[in-house]
Amino acid sequence: MEWTSIVAIYVLIWVMTAFVMLPFGIKTHDEAGVPKVTGQADSAPVNFRPGALVLRATIVAAFVTTLYVLNYINGWIGVDDVNVLAGFFGAE
């Protein structure tokens, strides 16, 4: 596998990981007991920390990308292992 492919896969996994992790640990002003600013949306976060989000997404994406590349090299899980519809359509 080319290093550029690994970088592209890492970036894709990083973006997906960041979006999945966005809602974790976030509280609204009502949940935190902090007064709202006039005109503020009820769902606006009071404790959004983009630096922590970037750090967590970077660590998780590096781990998942490493697993993906190791699986690509060693062939632990292949297409035949995840083909759950083979029994339904007669293809084996």
PDB file of N, CA and C in Angstrom:
ATOM      1  N   MET A   1       0.854  -1.176   0.000  1.00  0.00           N
ATOM      2  CA  MET A   1       0.000   0.000   0.000  1.00  0.00           C
ATOM      3  C   MET A   1       0.896   1.234   0.000  1.00  0.00           C
ATOM      4  N   GLU A   2       0.585   2.173  -0.871  1.00  0.00           N
ATOM      5  CA  GLU A   2       1.360   3.413  -0.970  1.00  0.00           C
ATOM      6  C   GLU A   2       1.127   4.293   0.266  1.00  0.00           C
ATOM      7  N   TRP A   3       2.120   5.096   0.617  1.00  0.00           N
ATOM      8  CA  TRP A   3       1.983   5.964   1.790  1.00  0.00           C
ATOM      9  C   TRP A   3       0.918   7.032   1.567  1.00  0.00           C
ATOM     10  N   THR A   4       0.717   7.437   0.299  1.00  0.00           N
ATOM     11  CA  THR A   4      -0.322   8.426   0.027  1.00  0.00           C
ATOM     12  C   THR A   4      -1.710   7.845   0.264  1.00  0.00           C
ATOM     13  N   SER A   5      -1.868   6.554  -0.004  1.00  0.00           N
ATOM     14  CA  SER A   5      -3.148   5.898   0.279  1.00  0.00           C
ATOM     15  C   SER A   5      -3.400   5.838   1.784  1.00  0.00           C
ATOM     16  N   ILE A   6      -2.352   5.571   2.534  1.00  0.00           N
ATOM     17  CA  ILE A   6      -2.493   5.519   3.992  1.00  0.00           C
ATOM     18  C   ILE A   6      -2.869   6.889   4.539  1.00  0.00           C
ATOM     19  N   VAL A   7      -2.267   7.942   4.005  1.00  0.00           N
ATOM     20  CA  VAL A   7      -2.592   9.304   4.453  1.00  0.00           C
ATOM     21  C   VAL A   7      -4.047   9.637   4.108  1.00  0.00           C
ATOM     22  N   ALA A   8      -4.477   9.275   2.899  1.00  0.00           N
ATOM     23  CA  ALA A   8      -5.862   9.541   2.500  1.00  0.00           C
ATOM     24  C   ALA A   8      -6.850   8.792   3.382  1.00  0.00           C
ATOM     25  N   ILE A   9      -6.559   7.541   3.696  1.00  0.00           N
ATOM     26  CA  ILE A   9      -7.425   6.749   4.572  1.00  0.00           C
ATOM     27  C   ILE A   9      -7.439   7.354   5.968  1.00  0.00           C
ATOM     28  N   TYR A  10      -6.275   7.792   6.457  1.00  0.00           N
ATOM     29  CA  TYR A  10      -6.207   8.427   7.773  1.00  0.00           C
ATOM     30  C   TYR A  10      -7.069   9.689   7.826  1.00  0.00           C
ATOM     31  N   VAL A  11      -6.991  10.519   6.791  1.00  0.00           N
ATOM     32  CA  VAL A  11      -7.772  11.757   6.771  1.00  0.00           C
ATOM     33  C   VAL A  11      -9.268  11.438   6.762  1.00  0.00           C
ATOM     34  N   LEU A  12      -9.684  10.471   5.967  1.00  0.00           N
ATOM     35  CA  LEU A  12     -11.104  10.087   5.946  1.00  0.00           C
ATOM     36  C   LEU A  12     -11.566   9.579   7.307  1.00  0.00           C
ATOM     37  N   ILE A  13     -10.764   8.723   7.924  1.00  0.00           N
ATOM     38  CA  ILE A  13     -11.127   8.197   9.243  1.00  0.00           C
ATOM     39  C   ILE A  13     -11.115   9.313  10.278  1.00  0.00           C
ATOM     40  N   TRP A  14     -10.164  10.256  10.168  1.00  0.00           N
ATOM     41  CA  TRP A  14     -10.101  11.367  11.120  1.00  0.00           C
ATOM     42  C   TRP A  14     -11.365  12.220  11.053  1.00  0.00           C
ATOM     43  N   VAL A  15     -11.805  12.550   9.846  1.00  0.00           N
ATOM     44  CA  VAL A  15     -13.009  13.379   9.690  1.00  0.00           C
ATOM     45  C   VAL A  15     -14.232  12.656  10.245  1.00  0.00           C
ATOM     46  N   MET A  16     -14.377  11.375   9.918  1.00  0.00           N
ATOM     47  CA  MET A  16     -15.515  10.611  10.444  1.00  0.00           C
ATOM     48  C   MET A  16     -15.462  10.534  11.967  1.00  0.00           C
ATOM     49  N   THR A  17     -14.278  10.303  12.506  1.00  0.00           N
ATOM     50  CA  THR A  17     -14.119  10.222  13.957  1.00  0.00           C
ATOM     51  C   THR A  17     -14.459  11.547  14.628  1.00  0.00           C
ATOM     52  N   ALA A  18     -14.021  12.648  14.044  1.00  0.00           N
ATOM     53  CA  ALA A  18     -14.301  13.966  14.621  1.00  0.00           C
ATOM     54  C   ALA A  18     -15.802  14.235  14.647  1.00  0.00           C
ATOM     55  N   PHE A  19     -16.502  13.914  13.559  1.00  0.00           N
ATOM     56  CA  PHE A  19     -17.943  14.144  13.539  1.00  0.00           C
ATOM     57  C   PHE A  19     -18.684  13.235  14.513  1.00  0.00           C
ATOM     58  N   VAL A  20     -18.228  12.006  14.656  1.00  0.00           N
ATOM     59  CA  VAL A  20     -18.874  11.099  15.607  1.00  0.00           C
ATOM     60  C   VAL A  20     -18.647  11.561  17.039  1.00  0.00           C
ATOM     61  N   MET A  21     -17.478  12.124  17.335  1.00  0.00           N
ATOM     62  CA  MET A  21     -17.145  12.529  18.698  1.00  0.00           C
ATOM     63  C   MET A  21     -17.683  13.908  19.079  1.00  0.00           C
ATOM     64  N   LEU A  22     -18.207  14.669  18.130  1.00  0.00           N
ATOM     65  CA  LEU A  22     -18.679  16.028  18.423  1.00  0.00           C
ATOM     66  C   LEU A  22     -19.665  16.113  19.592  1.00  0.00           C
ATOM     67  N   PRO A  23     -20.689  15.266  19.666  1.00  0.00           N
ATOM     68  CA  PRO A  23     -21.668  15.462  20.739  1.00  0.00           C
ATOM     69  C   PRO A  23     -21.249  14.944  22.118  1.00  0.00           C
ATOM     70  N   PHE A  24     -20.164  14.187  22.212  1.00  0.00           N
ATOM     71  CA  PHE A  24     -19.784  13.609  23.500  1.00  0.00           C
ATOM     72  C   PHE A  24     -19.170  14.658  24.417  1.00  0.00           C
ATOM     73  N   GLY A  25     -19.695  14.744  25.635  1.00  0.00           N
ATOM     74  CA  GLY A  25     -19.169  15.657  26.645  1.00  0.00           C
ATOM     75  C   GLY A  25     -19.649  17.083  26.530  1.00  0.00           C
ATOM     76  N   ILE A  26     -20.539  17.358  25.601  1.00  0.00           N
ATOM     77  CA  ILE A  26     -21.035  18.715  25.411  1.00  0.00           C
ATOM     78  C   ILE A  26     -22.284  18.930  26.266  1.00  0.00           C
ATOM     79  N   LYS A  27     -22.358  20.066  26.925  1.00  0.00           N
ATOM     80  CA  LYS A  27     -23.529  20.423  27.728  1.00  0.00           C
ATOM     81  C   LYS A  27     -24.088  21.746  27.241  1.00  0.00           C
ATOM     82  N   THR A  28     -25.405  21.877  27.322  1.00  0.00           N
ATOM     83  CA  THR A  28     -26.030  23.155  27.000  1.00  0.00           C
ATOM     84  C   THR A  28     -25.980  24.047  28.234  1.00  0.00           C
ATOM     85  N   HIS A  29     -26.358  25.289  28.070  1.00  0.00           N
ATOM     86  CA  HIS A  29     -26.348  26.216  29.197  1.00  0.00           C
ATOM     87  C   HIS A  29     -27.338  25.776  30.276  1.00  0.00           C
ATOM     88  N   ASP A  30     -28.481  25.224  29.859  1.00  0.00           N
ATOM     89  CA  ASP A  30     -29.467  24.753  30.837  1.00  0.00           C
ATOM     90  C   ASP A  30     -28.915  23.582  31.654  1.00  0.00           C
ATOM     91  N   GLU A  31     -28.216  22.660  30.992  1.00  0.00           N
ATOM     92  CA  GLU A  31     -27.650  21.505  31.698  1.00  0.00           C
ATOM     93  C   GLU A  31     -26.529  21.918  32.650  1.00  0.00           C
ATOM     94  N   ALA A  32     -25.778  22.928  32.275  1.00  0.00           N
ATOM     95  CA  ALA A  32     -24.653  23.378  33.102  1.00  0.00           C
ATOM     96  C   ALA A  32     -25.075  24.402  34.153  1.00  0.00           C
ATOM     97  N   GLY A  33     -26.297  24.927  34.041  1.00  0.00           N
ATOM     98  CA  GLY A  33     -26.764  25.917  34.997  1.00  0.00           C
ATOM     99  C   GLY A  33     -26.157  27.289  34.785  1.00  0.00           C
ATOM    100  N   VAL A  34     -25.757  27.593  33.570  1.00  0.00           N
ATOM    101  CA  VAL A  34     -25.137  28.874  33.238  1.00  0.00           C
ATOM    102  C   VAL A  34     -26.178  29.741  32.532  1.00  0.00           C
ATOM    103  N   PRO A  35     -26.259  31.032  32.858  1.00  0.00           N
ATOM    104  CA  PRO A  35     -27.241  31.883  32.173  1.00  0.00           C
ATOM    105  C   PRO A  35     -26.897  32.050  30.688  1.00  0.00           C
ATOM    106  N   LYS A  36     -27.946  32.125  29.861  1.00  0.00           N
ATOM    107  CA  LYS A  36     -27.766  32.269  28.417  1.00  0.00           C
ATOM    108  C   LYS A  36     -27.630  33.738  28.036  1.00  0.00           C
ATOM    109  N   VAL A  37     -26.961  33.955  26.902  1.00  0.00           N
ATOM    110  CA  VAL A  37     -26.844  35.283  26.321  1.00  0.00           C
ATOM    111  C   VAL A  37     -28.132  35.551  25.547  1.00  0.00           C
ATOM    112  N   THR A  38     -28.587  36.767  25.516  1.00  0.00           N
ATOM    113  CA  THR A  38     -29.807  37.114  24.807  1.00  0.00           C
ATOM    114  C   THR A  38     -29.677  36.760  23.327  1.00  0.00           C
ATOM    115  N   GLY A  39     -30.677  36.041  22.820  1.00  0.00           N
ATOM    116  CA  GLY A  39     -30.690  35.641  21.424  1.00  0.00           C
ATOM    117  C   GLY A  39     -29.949  34.353  21.137  1.00  0.00           C
ATOM    118  N   GLN A  40     -29.425  33.722  22.141  1.00  0.00           N
ATOM    119  CA  GLN A  40     -28.657  32.491  21.967  1.00  0.00           C
ATOM    120  C   GLN A  40     -29.586  31.312  21.744  1.00  0.00           C
ATOM    121  N   ALA A  41     -29.177  30.379  20.897  1.00  0.00           N
ATOM    122  CA  ALA A  41     -29.960  29.161  20.662  1.00  0.00           C
ATOM    123  C   ALA A  41     -29.942  28.295  21.916  1.00  0.00           C
ATOM    124  N   ASP A  42     -31.053  27.605  22.152  1.00  0.00           N
ATOM    125  CA  ASP A  42     -31.142  26.742  23.334  1.00  0.00           C
ATOM    126  C   ASP A  42     -30.138  25.593  23.282  1.00  0.00           C
ATOM    127  N   SER A  43     -29.746  25.180  22.084  1.00  0.00           N
ATOM    128  CA  SER A  43     -28.853  24.035  21.938  1.00  0.00           C
ATOM    129  C   SER A  43     -27.379  24.417  21.852  1.00  0.00           C
ATOM    130  N   ALA A  44     -27.046  25.687  22.031  1.00  0.00           N
ATOM    131  CA  ALA A  44     -25.645  26.122  21.936  1.00  0.00           C
ATOM    132  C   ALA A  44     -24.828  25.524  23.083  1.00  0.00           C
ATOM    133  N   PRO A  45     -23.653  24.978  22.780  1.00  0.00           N
ATOM    134  CA  PRO A  45     -22.840  24.366  23.837  1.00  0.00           C
ATOM    135  C   PRO A  45     -22.165  25.414  24.714  1.00  0.00           C
ATOM    136  N   VAL A  46     -22.012  25.056  25.989  1.00  0.00           N
ATOM    137  CA  VAL A  46     -21.348  25.955  26.924  1.00  0.00           C
ATOM    138  C   VAL A  46     -19.873  25.589  27.081  1.00  0.00           C
ATOM    139  N   ASN A  47     -19.521  24.355  26.767  1.00  0.00           N
ATOM    140  CA  ASN A  47     -18.158  23.890  27.034  1.00  0.00           C
ATOM    141  C   ASN A  47     -17.512  23.243  25.812  1.00  0.00           C
ATOM    142  N   PHE A  48     -17.703  23.788  24.629  1.00  0.00           N
ATOM    143  CA  PHE A  48     -17.084  23.227  23.429  1.00  0.00           C
ATOM    144  C   PHE A  48     -15.585  23.486  23.460  1.00  0.00           C
ATOM    145  N   ARG A  49     -14.817  22.409  23.345  1.00  0.00           N
ATOM    146  CA  ARG A  49     -13.356  22.506  23.362  1.00  0.00           C
ATOM    147  C   ARG A  49     -12.797  21.869  22.089  1.00  0.00           C
ATOM    148  N   PRO A  50     -12.555  22.660  21.057  1.00  0.00           N
ATOM    149  CA  PRO A  50     -12.083  22.083  19.797  1.00  0.00           C
ATOM    150  C   PRO A  50     -10.707  21.431  19.900  1.00  0.00           C
ATOM    151  N   GLY A  51      -9.863  21.936  20.773  1.00  0.00           N
ATOM    152  CA  GLY A  51      -8.536  21.338  20.930  1.00  0.00           C
ATOM    153  C   GLY A  51      -8.609  19.911  21.449  1.00  0.00           C
ATOM    154  N   ALA A  52      -9.466  19.684  22.427  1.00  0.00           N
ATOM    155  CA  ALA A  52      -9.639  18.333  22.964  1.00  0.00           C
ATOM    156  C   ALA A  52     -10.252  17.409  21.922  1.00  0.00           C
ATOM    157  N   LEU A  53     -11.186  17.943  21.147  1.00  0.00           N
ATOM    158  CA  LEU A  53     -11.809  17.151  20.089  1.00  0.00           C
ATOM    159  C   LEU A  53     -10.773  16.733  19.046  1.00  0.00           C
ATOM    160  N   VAL A  54      -9.921  17.652  18.638  1.00  0.00           N
ATOM    161  CA  VAL A  54      -8.881  17.352  17.645  1.00  0.00           C
ATOM    162  C   VAL A  54      -7.913  16.311  18.194  1.00  0.00           C
ATOM    163  N   LEU A  55      -7.527  16.438  19.441  1.00  0.00           N
ATOM    164  CA  LEU A  55      -6.600  15.478  20.048  1.00  0.00           C
ATOM    165  C   LEU A  55      -7.210  14.086  20.116  1.00  0.00           C
ATOM    166  N   ARG A  56      -8.453  13.996  20.595  1.00  0.00           N
ATOM    167  CA  ARG A  56      -9.115  12.684  20.680  1.00  0.00           C
ATOM    168  C   ARG A  56      -9.305  12.072  19.308  1.00  0.00           C
ATOM    169  N   ALA A  57      -9.736  12.871  18.328  1.00  0.00           N
ATOM    170  CA  ALA A  57      -9.945  12.353  16.974  1.00  0.00           C
ATOM    171  C   ALA A  57      -8.629  11.892  16.362  1.00  0.00           C
ATOM    172  N   THR A  58      -7.550  12.598  16.633  1.00  0.00           N
ATOM    173  CA  THR A  58      -6.237  12.226  16.100  1.00  0.00           C
ATOM    174  C   THR A  58      -5.782  10.884  16.653  1.00  0.00           C
ATOM    175  N   ILE A  59      -5.949  10.691  17.951  1.00  0.00           N
ATOM    176  CA  ILE A  59      -5.520   9.437  18.581  1.00  0.00           C
ATOM    177  C   ILE A  59      -6.362   8.269  18.090  1.00  0.00           C
ATOM    178  N   VAL A  60      -7.670   8.435  18.077  1.00  0.00           N
ATOM    179  CA  VAL A  60      -8.559   7.347  17.640  1.00  0.00           C
ATOM    180  C   VAL A  60      -8.337   7.040  16.162  1.00  0.00           C
ATOM    181  N   ALA A  61      -8.201   8.066  15.329  1.00  0.00           N
ATOM    182  CA  ALA A  61      -7.997   7.842  13.898  1.00  0.00           C
ATOM    183  C   ALA A  61      -6.657   7.147  13.635  1.00  0.00           C
ATOM    184  N   ALA A  62      -5.630   7.491  14.378  1.00  0.00           N
ATOM    185  CA  ALA A  62      -4.338   6.819  14.213  1.00  0.00           C
ATOM    186  C   ALA A  62      -4.450   5.338  14.569  1.00  0.00           C
ATOM    187  N   PHE A  63      -5.167   5.038  15.645  1.00  0.00           N
ATOM    188  CA  PHE A  63      -5.356   3.645  16.061  1.00  0.00           C
ATOM    189  C   PHE A  63      -6.151   2.863  15.016  1.00  0.00           C
ATOM    190  N   VAL A  64      -7.256   3.429  14.546  1.00  0.00           N
ATOM    191  CA  VAL A  64      -8.101   2.736  13.571  1.00  0.00           C
ATOM    192  C   VAL A  64      -7.366   2.577  12.244  1.00  0.00           C
ATOM    193  N   THR A  65      -6.633   3.589  11.815  1.00  0.00           N
ATOM    194  CA  THR A  65      -5.868   3.491  10.575  1.00  0.00           C
ATOM    195  C   THR A  65      -4.787   2.422  10.694  1.00  0.00           C
ATOM    196  N   THR A  66      -4.143   2.344  11.839  1.00  0.00           N
ATOM    197  CA  THR A  66      -3.134   1.304  12.060  1.00  0.00           C
ATOM    198  C   THR A  66      -3.755  -0.078  11.956  1.00  0.00           C
ATOM    199  N   LEU A  67      -4.925  -0.261  12.568  1.00  0.00           N
ATOM    200  CA  LEU A  67      -5.621  -1.553  12.454  1.00  0.00           C
ATOM    201  C   LEU A  67      -5.979  -1.862  11.005  1.00  0.00           C
ATOM    202  N   TYR A  68      -6.437  -0.852  10.274  1.00  0.00           N
ATOM    203  CA  TYR A  68      -6.808  -1.041   8.873  1.00  0.00           C
ATOM    204  C   TYR A  68      -5.599  -1.468   8.041  1.00  0.00           C
ATOM    205  N   VAL A  69      -4.469  -0.787   8.211  1.00  0.00           N
ATOM    206  CA  VAL A  69      -3.271  -1.112   7.432  1.00  0.00           C
ATOM    207  C   VAL A  69      -2.744  -2.495   7.808  1.00  0.00           C
ATOM    208  N   LEU A  70      -2.748  -2.827   9.095  1.00  0.00           N
ATOM    209  CA  LEU A  70      -2.314  -4.163   9.513  1.00  0.00           C
ATOM    210  C   LEU A  70      -3.224  -5.245   8.947  1.00  0.00           C
ATOM    211  N   ASN A  71      -4.531  -4.976   8.908  1.00  0.00           N
ATOM    212  CA  ASN A  71      -5.453  -5.937   8.312  1.00  0.00           C
ATOM    213  C   ASN A  71      -5.196  -6.064   6.816  1.00  0.00           C
ATOM    214  N   TYR A  72      -4.881  -4.966   6.148  1.00  0.00           N
ATOM    215  CA  TYR A  72      -4.574  -4.996   4.716  1.00  0.00           C
ATOM    216  C   TYR A  72      -3.321  -5.837   4.457  1.00  0.00           C
ATOM    217  N   ILE A  73      -2.316  -5.679   5.303  1.00  0.00           N
ATOM    218  CA  ILE A  73      -1.063  -6.411   5.118  1.00  0.00           C
ATOM    219  C   ILE A  73      -1.225  -7.889   5.457  1.00  0.00           C
ATOM    220  N   ASN A  74      -1.883  -8.195   6.577  1.00  0.00           N
ATOM    221  CA  ASN A  74      -1.973  -9.576   7.058  1.00  0.00           C
ATOM    222  C   ASN A  74      -3.204 -10.332   6.572  1.00  0.00           C
ATOM    223  N   GLY A  75      -4.209  -9.627   6.091  1.00  0.00           N
ATOM    224  CA  GLY A  75      -5.409 -10.282   5.571  1.00  0.00           C
ATOM    225  C   GLY A  75      -6.238 -10.988   6.629  1.00  0.00           C
ATOM    226  N   TRP A  76      -6.350 -10.400   7.809  1.00  0.00           N
ATOM    227  CA  TRP A  76      -7.122 -11.023   8.886  1.00  0.00           C
ATOM    228  C   TRP A  76      -8.597 -11.148   8.538  1.00  0.00           C
ATOM    229  N   ILE A  77      -9.192 -10.083   8.038  1.00  0.00           N
ATOM    230  CA  ILE A  77     -10.615 -10.073   7.684  1.00  0.00           C
ATOM    231  C   ILE A  77     -10.710  -9.703   6.213  1.00  0.00           C
ATOM    232  N   GLY A  78     -11.324 -10.586   5.429  1.00  0.00           N
ATOM    233  CA  GLY A  78     -11.467 -10.352   4.000  1.00  0.00           C
ATOM    234  C   GLY A  78     -12.924 -10.190   3.602  1.00  0.00           C
ATOM    235  N   VAL A  79     -13.159 -10.082   2.308  1.00  0.00           N
ATOM    236  CA  VAL A  79     -14.515  -9.901   1.797  1.00  0.00           C
ATOM    237  C   VAL A  79     -15.381 -11.109   2.121  1.00  0.00           C
ATOM    238  N   ASP A  80     -14.834 -12.304   2.020  1.00  0.00           N
ATOM    239  CA  ASP A  80     -15.608 -13.513   2.312  1.00  0.00           C
ATOM    240  C   ASP A  80     -16.044 -13.589   3.775  1.00  0.00           C
ATOM    241  N   ASP A  81     -15.297 -12.973   4.661  1.00  0.00           N
ATOM    242  CA  ASP A  81     -15.632 -12.988   6.085  1.00  0.00           C
ATOM    243  C   ASP A  81     -16.801 -12.077   6.430  1.00  0.00           C
ATOM    244  N   VAL A  82     -17.033 -11.058   5.647  1.00  0.00           N
ATOM    245  CA  VAL A  82     -18.105 -10.104   5.950  1.00  0.00           C
ATOM    246  C   VAL A  82     -19.278 -10.210   4.983  1.00  0.00           C
ATOM    247  N   ASN A  83     -19.273 -11.181   4.097  1.00  0.00           N
ATOM    248  CA  ASN A  83     -20.361 -11.366   3.142  1.00  0.00           C
ATOM    249  C   ASN A  83     -21.512 -12.096   3.839  1.00  0.00           C
ATOM    250  N   VAL A  84     -22.391 -11.333   4.472  1.00  0.00           N
ATOM    251  CA  VAL A  84     -23.486 -11.906   5.256  1.00  0.00           C
ATOM    252  C   VAL A  84     -24.668 -12.329   4.390  1.00  0.00           C
ATOM    253  N   LEU A  85     -24.728 -11.894   3.153  1.00  0.00           N
ATOM    254  CA  LEU A  85     -25.847 -12.227   2.271  1.00  0.00           C
ATOM    255  C   LEU A  85     -25.592 -13.429   1.381  1.00  0.00           C
ATOM    256  N   ALA A  86     -24.449 -14.089   1.519  1.00  0.00           N
ATOM    257  CA  ALA A  86     -24.113 -15.222   0.654  1.00  0.00           C
ATOM    258  C   ALA A  86     -25.117 -16.361   0.813  1.00  0.00           C
ATOM    259  N   GLY A  87     -25.560 -16.634   2.010  1.00  0.00           N
ATOM    260  CA  GLY A  87     -26.500 -17.737   2.247  1.00  0.00           C
ATOM    261  C   GLY A  87     -27.903 -17.460   1.731  1.00  0.00           C
ATOM    262  N   PHE A  88     -28.276 -16.196   1.628  1.00  0.00           N
ATOM    263  CA  PHE A  88     -29.623 -15.843   1.201  1.00  0.00           C
ATOM    264  C   PHE A  88     -29.807 -15.936  -0.306  1.00  0.00           C
ATOM    265  N   PHE A  89     -28.772 -15.700  -1.075  1.00  0.00           N
ATOM    266  CA  PHE A  89     -28.891 -15.646  -2.523  1.00  0.00           C
ATOM    267  C   PHE A  89     -28.221 -16.828  -3.213  1.00  0.00           C
ATOM    268  N   GLY A  90     -27.752 -17.784  -2.466  1.00  0.00           N
ATOM    269  CA  GLY A  90     -27.183 -18.987  -3.036  1.00  0.00           C
ATOM    270  C   GLY A  90     -25.735 -18.831  -3.471  1.00  0.00           C
ATOM    271  N   ALA A  91     -25.167 -17.684  -3.362  1.00  0.00           N
ATOM    272  CA  ALA A  91     -23.768 -17.488  -3.719  1.00  0.00           C
ATOM    273  C   ALA A  91     -22.890 -17.865  -2.537  1.00  0.00           C
ATOM    274  N   GLU A  92     -21.891 -18.651  -2.810  1.00  0.00           N
ATOM    275  CA  GLU A  92     -21.010 -19.070  -1.731  1.00  0.00           C
ATOM    276  C   GLU A  92     -19.575 -18.862  -2.035  1.00  0.00           C
TER     277      GLU A  92
END
